[in-house]
Amino acid sequence: MELSIGTTRELLKQYGVERAKQEAVTEFATVLEQYAGFISEEAAYLAEKEGRKTVKERDVISAIRNTHASE
């Protein structure tokens, strides 16, 4: 999946970024995609570890916490 430039710009605006160069928006989108991919993989792993194929909210929350705990 690829975040569109327009969607990324709107997201940035929601958090106070009024102006950003195209390269910055593209890089931000890339980082978000990578982070989402990492969280998704970790959440899937946690679900699988419990014998489930379905990722639950708690898996996503745990995946995010695990990511921040390793920093």
Protein backbone atom coordinates (compact mmCIF):
# COMPACT_ATOMS: atom_id res chain seq x y z
CA MET A 1 0.00 0.00 0.00
CA GLU A 2 1.19 3.47 -0.72
CA LEU A 3 -0.06 6.61 1.00
CA SER A 4 -1.00 9.28 -1.48
CA ILE A 5 0.77 12.61 -1.36
CA GLY A 6 -2.57 14.37 -0.86
CA THR A 7 -3.52 12.19 2.09
CA THR A 8 -0.09 12.66 3.63
CA ARG A 9 -0.29 16.45 3.21
CA GLU A 10 -3.71 16.47 4.89
CA LEU A 11 -2.36 14.41 7.77
CA LEU A 12 0.55 16.81 8.19
CA LYS A 13 -1.83 19.79 8.15
CA GLN A 14 -3.94 18.19 10.89
CA TYR A 15 -0.85 18.28 13.09
CA GLY A 16 0.16 21.83 12.31
CA VAL A 17 2.43 21.54 9.28
CA GLU A 18 1.17 24.27 6.98
CA ARG A 19 3.87 24.01 4.33
CA ALA A 20 6.18 21.18 3.35
CA LYS A 21 8.38 20.47 0.35
CA GLN A 22 7.31 17.60 -1.89
CA GLU A 23 10.40 15.60 -0.87
CA ALA A 24 9.51 15.99 2.82
CA VAL A 25 5.95 14.81 2.25
CA THR A 26 7.18 11.82 0.26
CA GLU A 27 9.69 10.89 2.95
CA PHE A 28 7.06 11.25 5.66
CA ALA A 29 4.73 8.92 3.72
CA THR A 30 7.53 6.37 3.35
CA VAL A 31 8.28 6.42 7.07
CA LEU A 32 4.58 6.02 7.95
CA GLU A 33 4.27 3.07 5.57
CA GLN A 34 7.34 1.40 7.06
CA TYR A 35 6.09 1.95 10.62
CA ALA A 36 2.63 0.62 9.75
CA GLY A 37 4.25 -2.43 8.15
CA PHE A 38 6.38 -3.11 11.19
CA ILE A 39 3.42 -2.77 13.56
CA SER A 40 1.32 -5.02 11.32
CA GLU A 41 3.97 -7.74 11.27
CA GLU A 42 4.41 -7.58 15.03
CA ALA A 43 0.63 -7.67 15.64
CA ALA A 44 0.27 -10.67 13.33
CA TYR A 45 3.10 -12.41 15.17
CA LEU A 46 1.42 -11.80 18.53
CA ALA A 47 -1.90 -13.16 17.26
CA GLU A 48 -0.18 -16.22 15.79
CA LYS A 49 1.64 -16.79 19.06
CA GLU A 50 -1.78 -17.13 20.72
CA GLY A 51 -2.99 -19.52 18.01
CA ARG A 52 -5.12 -16.96 16.18
CA LYS A 53 -5.18 -15.84 12.56
CA THR A 54 -7.18 -12.72 13.40
CA VAL A 55 -5.34 -9.66 14.70
CA LYS A 56 -7.17 -8.01 17.57
CA GLU A 57 -6.94 -4.50 18.95
CA ARG A 58 -4.85 -5.75 21.86
CA ASP A 59 -2.30 -7.17 19.39
CA VAL A 60 -1.91 -3.78 17.74
CA ILE A 61 -1.60 -2.01 21.10
CA SER A 62 0.99 -4.54 22.27
CA ALA A 63 2.89 -4.22 19.00
CA ILE A 64 3.07 -0.44 19.42
CA ARG A 65 4.18 -0.79 23.03
CA ASN A 66 6.83 -3.34 22.02
CA THR A 67 8.12 -0.94 19.40
CA HIS A 68 8.46 1.89 21.90
CA ALA A 69 9.92 -0.36 24.58
CA SER A 70 12.84 -1.24 22.32
CA GLU A 71 13.88 2.40 21.85
